Amino acid sequence: MTGKSGRDRTRAGRRRCTPGGRARAVAVTALLAGSGPMAPGTSHATASCETRPTVQHVDWTPMTFVGDVVCPHHLGSVRLQSTTQSSVNGQIRFSPSWFVCWKRGGQYQGSDIWYYTQGDTVSASRMSKGWGYLPAAELRVSTHPVPGLSQCTWS
């Protein structure tokens, strides 16, 4: 389903709900619901990521990405560049979310890994449609970079 902006309204694989996908979504939702809200920056690996090798995304440039991972994370800001000094370009308001690649950037809470994704809302440049980077410390996983996710080709 597509919204007014031309982008998918839902994230994290809810576009195509197969019986297996529905079971995984229910399991992840149940696991995350039991973990309770988390303060930004707290470390807590509660679930693993799902690799989806055939899902396609097109960013604002328009670069096409084939494959992503869906991971649980803290809600937060997507930045235009992979540094805390970069402007906030969007907000991620739902978890889990998909990520198309990772790159090294500025240090944030002990890591220089940042994940490229599209925010649920656009905060700054409408032209970039909420695409940007979320720091690794915000993902609720124990390994960075996330296994199965490609490094961004421009990094």
C-alpha atoms as a PDB file:
ATOM      1  CA  MET A   1       0.000   0.000   0.000  1.00  0.00           C
ATOM      2  CA  THR A   2       1.397   3.381  -0.925  1.00  0.00           C
ATOM      3  CA  GLY A   3       0.790   6.699   0.864  1.00  0.00           C
ATOM      4  CA  LYS A   4       0.550  10.224  -0.534  1.00  0.00           C
ATOM      5  CA  SER A   5       4.321  10.537  -0.609  1.00  0.00           C
ATOM      6  CA  GLY A   6       4.612   7.508  -2.878  1.00  0.00           C
ATOM      7  CA  ARG A   7       6.433   5.431  -0.274  1.00  0.00           C
ATOM      8  CA  ASP A   8       5.223   2.403   1.597  1.00  0.00           C
ATOM      9  CA  ARG A   9       3.110   3.213   4.640  1.00  0.00           C
ATOM     10  CA  THR A  10       4.394   0.287   6.661  1.00  0.00           C
ATOM     11  CA  ARG A  11       7.899  -0.870   7.457  1.00  0.00           C
ATOM     12  CA  ALA A  12       9.589  -4.018   8.607  1.00  0.00           C
ATOM     13  CA  GLY A  13       8.150  -6.435   6.088  1.00  0.00           C
ATOM     14  CA  ARG A  14       4.494  -5.877   6.802  1.00  0.00           C
ATOM     15  CA  ARG A  15       3.873  -5.210   3.101  1.00  0.00           C
ATOM     16  CA  ARG A  16       3.773  -8.883   2.135  1.00  0.00           C
ATOM     17  CA  CYS A  17       2.351 -11.025   4.878  1.00  0.00           C
ATOM     18  CA  THR A  18       2.806 -14.705   4.094  1.00  0.00           C
ATOM     19  CA  PRO A  19       1.847 -17.319   6.683  1.00  0.00           C
ATOM     20  CA  GLY A  20       5.539 -17.783   7.629  1.00  0.00           C
ATOM     21  CA  GLY A  21       6.100 -14.042   7.686  1.00  0.00           C
ATOM     22  CA  ARG A  22       3.048 -13.541   9.877  1.00  0.00           C
ATOM     23  CA  ALA A  23       4.341 -16.126  12.363  1.00  0.00           C
ATOM     24  CA  ARG A  24       7.757 -14.425  12.496  1.00  0.00           C
ATOM     25  CA  ALA A  25       6.123 -11.016  12.946  1.00  0.00           C
ATOM     26  CA  VAL A  26       3.974 -12.328  15.794  1.00  0.00           C
ATOM     27  CA  ALA A  27       7.006 -13.933  17.467  1.00  0.00           C
ATOM     28  CA  VAL A  28       9.113 -10.769  17.200  1.00  0.00           C
ATOM     29  CA  THR A  29       6.220  -8.600  18.394  1.00  0.00           C
ATOM     30  CA  ALA A  30       5.632 -10.846  21.392  1.00  0.00           C
ATOM     31  CA  LEU A  31       9.320 -10.858  22.249  1.00  0.00           C
ATOM     32  CA  LEU A  32       9.600  -7.075  21.997  1.00  0.00           C
ATOM     33  CA  ALA A  33       6.368  -6.465  23.886  1.00  0.00           C
ATOM     34  CA  GLY A  34       7.718  -8.467  26.800  1.00  0.00           C
ATOM     35  CA  SER A  35      10.943  -6.489  26.945  1.00  0.00           C
ATOM     36  CA  GLY A  36       9.275  -3.171  27.809  1.00  0.00           C
ATOM     37  CA  PRO A  37      10.325   0.329  26.779  1.00  0.00           C
ATOM     38  CA  MET A  38      14.012   1.126  26.747  1.00  0.00           C
ATOM     39  CA  ALA A  39      15.786   4.393  27.298  1.00  0.00           C
ATOM     40  CA  PRO A  40      17.903   5.591  24.383  1.00  0.00           C
ATOM     41  CA  GLY A  41      21.450   4.339  24.618  1.00  0.00           C
ATOM     42  CA  THR A  42      20.726   1.347  26.861  1.00  0.00           C
ATOM     43  CA  SER A  43      22.306  -1.858  25.673  1.00  0.00           C
ATOM     44  CA  HIS A  44      19.900  -4.758  25.469  1.00  0.00           C
ATOM     45  CA  ALA A  45      19.977  -7.477  22.803  1.00  0.00           C
ATOM     46  CA  THR A  46      16.448  -8.869  22.805  1.00  0.00           C
ATOM     47  CA  ALA A  47      16.046 -10.417  19.376  1.00  0.00           C
ATOM     48  CA  SER A  48      17.913 -11.224  16.237  1.00  0.00           C
ATOM     49  CA  CYS A  49      17.484  -9.673  12.831  1.00  0.00           C
ATOM     50  CA  GLU A  50      15.656 -11.211   9.895  1.00  0.00           C
ATOM     51  CA  THR A  51      17.524 -11.222   6.569  1.00  0.00           C
ATOM     52  CA  ARG A  52      15.351 -10.634   3.487  1.00  0.00           C
ATOM     53  CA  PRO A  53      17.576 -11.133   0.400  1.00  0.00           C
ATOM     54  CA  THR A  54      14.993 -10.289  -2.297  1.00  0.00           C
ATOM     55  CA  VAL A  55      13.250  -7.207  -0.875  1.00  0.00           C
ATOM     56  CA  GLN A  56      13.931  -4.057  -2.922  1.00  0.00           C
ATOM     57  CA  HIS A  57      14.144  -0.423  -1.800  1.00  0.00           C
ATOM     58  CA  VAL A  58      14.853   2.714  -3.842  1.00  0.00           C
ATOM     59  CA  ASP A  59      16.287   5.721  -2.027  1.00  0.00           C
ATOM     60  CA  TRP A  60      15.972   9.373  -2.978  1.00  0.00           C
ATOM     61  CA  THR A  61      19.022   9.383  -5.303  1.00  0.00           C
ATOM     62  CA  PRO A  62      17.378   6.925  -6.799  1.00  0.00           C
ATOM     63  CA  MET A  63      19.705   4.070  -5.875  1.00  0.00           C
ATOM     64  CA  THR A  64      18.201   0.571  -5.763  1.00  0.00           C
ATOM     65  CA  PHE A  65      19.012  -1.817  -2.929  1.00  0.00           C
ATOM     66  CA  VAL A  66      18.260  -5.523  -3.163  1.00  0.00           C
ATOM     67  CA  GLY A  67      18.055  -7.212   0.215  1.00  0.00           C
ATOM     68  CA  ASP A  68      17.725  -5.837   3.720  1.00  0.00           C
ATOM     69  CA  VAL A  69      17.647  -6.884   7.345  1.00  0.00           C
ATOM     70  CA  VAL A  70      14.817  -6.195   9.775  1.00  0.00           C
ATOM     71  CA  CYS A  71      16.059  -5.520  13.299  1.00  0.00           C
ATOM     72  CA  PRO A  72      14.631  -4.338  16.623  1.00  0.00           C
ATOM     73  CA  HIS A  73      15.920  -0.959  17.783  1.00  0.00           C
ATOM     74  CA  HIS A  74      15.327   2.043  19.998  1.00  0.00           C
ATOM     75  CA  LEU A  75      13.158   4.732  18.448  1.00  0.00           C
ATOM     76  CA  GLY A  76      15.250   7.621  17.274  1.00  0.00           C
ATOM     77  CA  SER A  77      16.535  10.077  14.745  1.00  0.00           C
ATOM     78  CA  VAL A  78      17.802   9.296  11.271  1.00  0.00           C
ATOM     79  CA  ARG A  79      20.678  11.590  10.302  1.00  0.00           C
ATOM     80  CA  LEU A  80      21.535  12.780   6.818  1.00  0.00           C
ATOM     81  CA  GLN A  81      25.190  11.762   7.301  1.00  0.00           C
ATOM     82  CA  SER A  82      26.780   9.136   9.563  1.00  0.00           C
ATOM     83  CA  THR A  83      27.802  11.542  12.334  1.00  0.00           C
ATOM     84  CA  THR A  84      26.088  13.079  15.344  1.00  0.00           C
ATOM     85  CA  GLN A  85      26.868  16.551  13.983  1.00  0.00           C
ATOM     86  CA  SER A  86      24.732  15.880  10.886  1.00  0.00           C
ATOM     87  CA  SER A  87      21.211  17.240  10.693  1.00  0.00           C
ATOM     88  CA  VAL A  88      18.291  15.018  11.678  1.00  0.00           C
ATOM     89  CA  ASN A  89      16.510  13.999   8.504  1.00  0.00           C
ATOM     90  CA  GLY A  90      13.745  11.769   9.845  1.00  0.00           C
ATOM     91  CA  GLN A  91      12.371   9.875  12.806  1.00  0.00           C
ATOM     92  CA  ILE A  92      11.939   6.142  13.264  1.00  0.00           C
ATOM     93  CA  ARG A  93       8.742   5.744  15.246  1.00  0.00           C
ATOM     94  CA  PHE A  94       8.220   1.970  14.984  1.00  0.00           C
ATOM     95  CA  SER A  95      10.362  -1.054  15.761  1.00  0.00           C
ATOM     96  CA  PRO A  96      11.492  -3.321  14.189  1.00  0.00           C
ATOM     97  CA  SER A  97      12.643  -1.566  10.991  1.00  0.00           C
ATOM     98  CA  TRP A  98      14.549  -2.470   7.846  1.00  0.00           C
ATOM     99  CA  PHE A  99      18.098  -1.435   7.014  1.00  0.00           C
ATOM    100  CA  VAL A 100      19.700  -1.713   3.560  1.00  0.00           C
ATOM    101  CA  CYS A 101      23.433  -1.323   4.332  1.00  0.00           C
ATOM    102  CA  TRP A 102      25.963  -0.128   6.898  1.00  0.00           C
ATOM    103  CA  LYS A 103      29.026   2.136   6.858  1.00  0.00           C
ATOM    104  CA  ARG A 104      31.621   3.535   9.200  1.00  0.00           C
ATOM    105  CA  GLY A 105      31.116   7.075  10.408  1.00  0.00           C
ATOM    106  CA  GLY A 106      31.530   9.179  13.517  1.00  0.00           C
ATOM    107  CA  GLN A 107      31.841   7.537  16.921  1.00  0.00           C
ATOM    108  CA  TYR A 108      28.589   7.175  18.868  1.00  0.00           C
ATOM    109  CA  GLN A 109      28.486   5.346  22.200  1.00  0.00           C
ATOM    110  CA  GLY A 110      31.569   3.270  21.442  1.00  0.00           C
ATOM    111  CA  SER A 111      30.872   2.319  17.822  1.00  0.00           C
ATOM    112  CA  ASP A 112      31.482   3.886  14.433  1.00  0.00           C
ATOM    113  CA  ILE A 113      28.942   1.691  12.570  1.00  0.00           C
ATOM    114  CA  TRP A 114      25.855   3.421  11.135  1.00  0.00           C
ATOM    115  CA  TYR A 115      22.910   1.799   9.314  1.00  0.00           C
ATOM    116  CA  TYR A 116      21.217   3.291   6.238  1.00  0.00           C
ATOM    117  CA  THR A 117      17.403   3.275   6.259  1.00  0.00           C
ATOM    118  CA  GLN A 118      14.342   5.421   5.655  1.00  0.00           C
ATOM    119  CA  GLY A 119      12.661   7.129   8.586  1.00  0.00           C
ATOM    120  CA  ASP A 120       8.940   6.821   9.230  1.00  0.00           C
ATOM    121  CA  THR A 121       8.674  10.618   9.145  1.00  0.00           C
ATOM    122  CA  VAL A 122      10.636  13.342   7.364  1.00  0.00           C
ATOM    123  CA  SER A 123      12.128  16.024   9.633  1.00  0.00           C
ATOM    124  CA  ALA A 124      14.302  18.104   7.343  1.00  0.00           C
ATOM    125  CA  SER A 125      15.042  17.778   3.643  1.00  0.00           C
ATOM    126  CA  ARG A 126      11.866  16.648   1.895  1.00  0.00           C
ATOM    127  CA  MET A 127      14.011  15.866  -1.150  1.00  0.00           C
ATOM    128  CA  SER A 128      15.829  13.042   0.670  1.00  0.00           C
ATOM    129  CA  LYS A 129      12.503  11.529   1.836  1.00  0.00           C
ATOM    130  CA  GLY A 130      13.714  10.654   5.331  1.00  0.00           C
ATOM    131  CA  TRP A 131      16.625   8.489   4.168  1.00  0.00           C
ATOM    132  CA  GLY A 132      19.650   8.551   6.434  1.00  0.00           C
ATOM    133  CA  TYR A 133      21.655   6.781   9.105  1.00  0.00           C
ATOM    134  CA  LEU A 134      20.857   5.312  12.515  1.00  0.00           C
ATOM    135  CA  PRO A 135      23.855   4.600  14.797  1.00  0.00           C
ATOM    136  CA  ALA A 136      24.619   0.992  15.706  1.00  0.00           C
ATOM    137  CA  ALA A 137      24.148   1.698  19.414  1.00  0.00           C
ATOM    138  CA  GLU A 138      20.421   2.184  18.750  1.00  0.00           C
ATOM    139  CA  LEU A 139      19.923  -1.356  17.390  1.00  0.00           C
ATOM    140  CA  ARG A 140      18.939  -4.033  19.905  1.00  0.00           C
ATOM    141  CA  VAL A 141      21.439  -6.577  18.639  1.00  0.00           C
ATOM    142  CA  SER A 142      24.709  -7.882  20.010  1.00  0.00           C
ATOM    143  CA  THR A 143      26.849  -7.923  16.830  1.00  0.00           C
ATOM    144  CA  HIS A 144      27.833  -5.006  14.585  1.00  0.00           C
ATOM    145  CA  PRO A 145      27.769  -4.853  11.693  1.00  0.00           C
ATOM    146  CA  VAL A 146      24.650  -7.024  11.570  1.00  0.00           C
ATOM    147  CA  PRO A 147      25.474 -10.362   9.865  1.00  0.00           C
ATOM    148  CA  GLY A 148      23.907 -10.669   6.412  1.00  0.00           C
ATOM    149  CA  LEU A 149      23.811  -6.909   5.752  1.00  0.00           C
ATOM    150  CA  SER A 150      26.074  -5.479   3.047  1.00  0.00           C
ATOM    151  CA  GLN A 151      28.442  -2.591   3.556  1.00  0.00           C
ATOM    152  CA  CYS A 152      27.243   0.526   1.727  1.00  0.00           C
ATOM    153  CA  THR A 153      28.980   0.783  -1.656  1.00  0.00           C
ATOM    154  CA  TRP A 154      29.987   4.425  -1.036  1.00  0.00           C
ATOM    155  CA  SER A 155      31.687   3.769   2.298  1.00  0.00           C
END
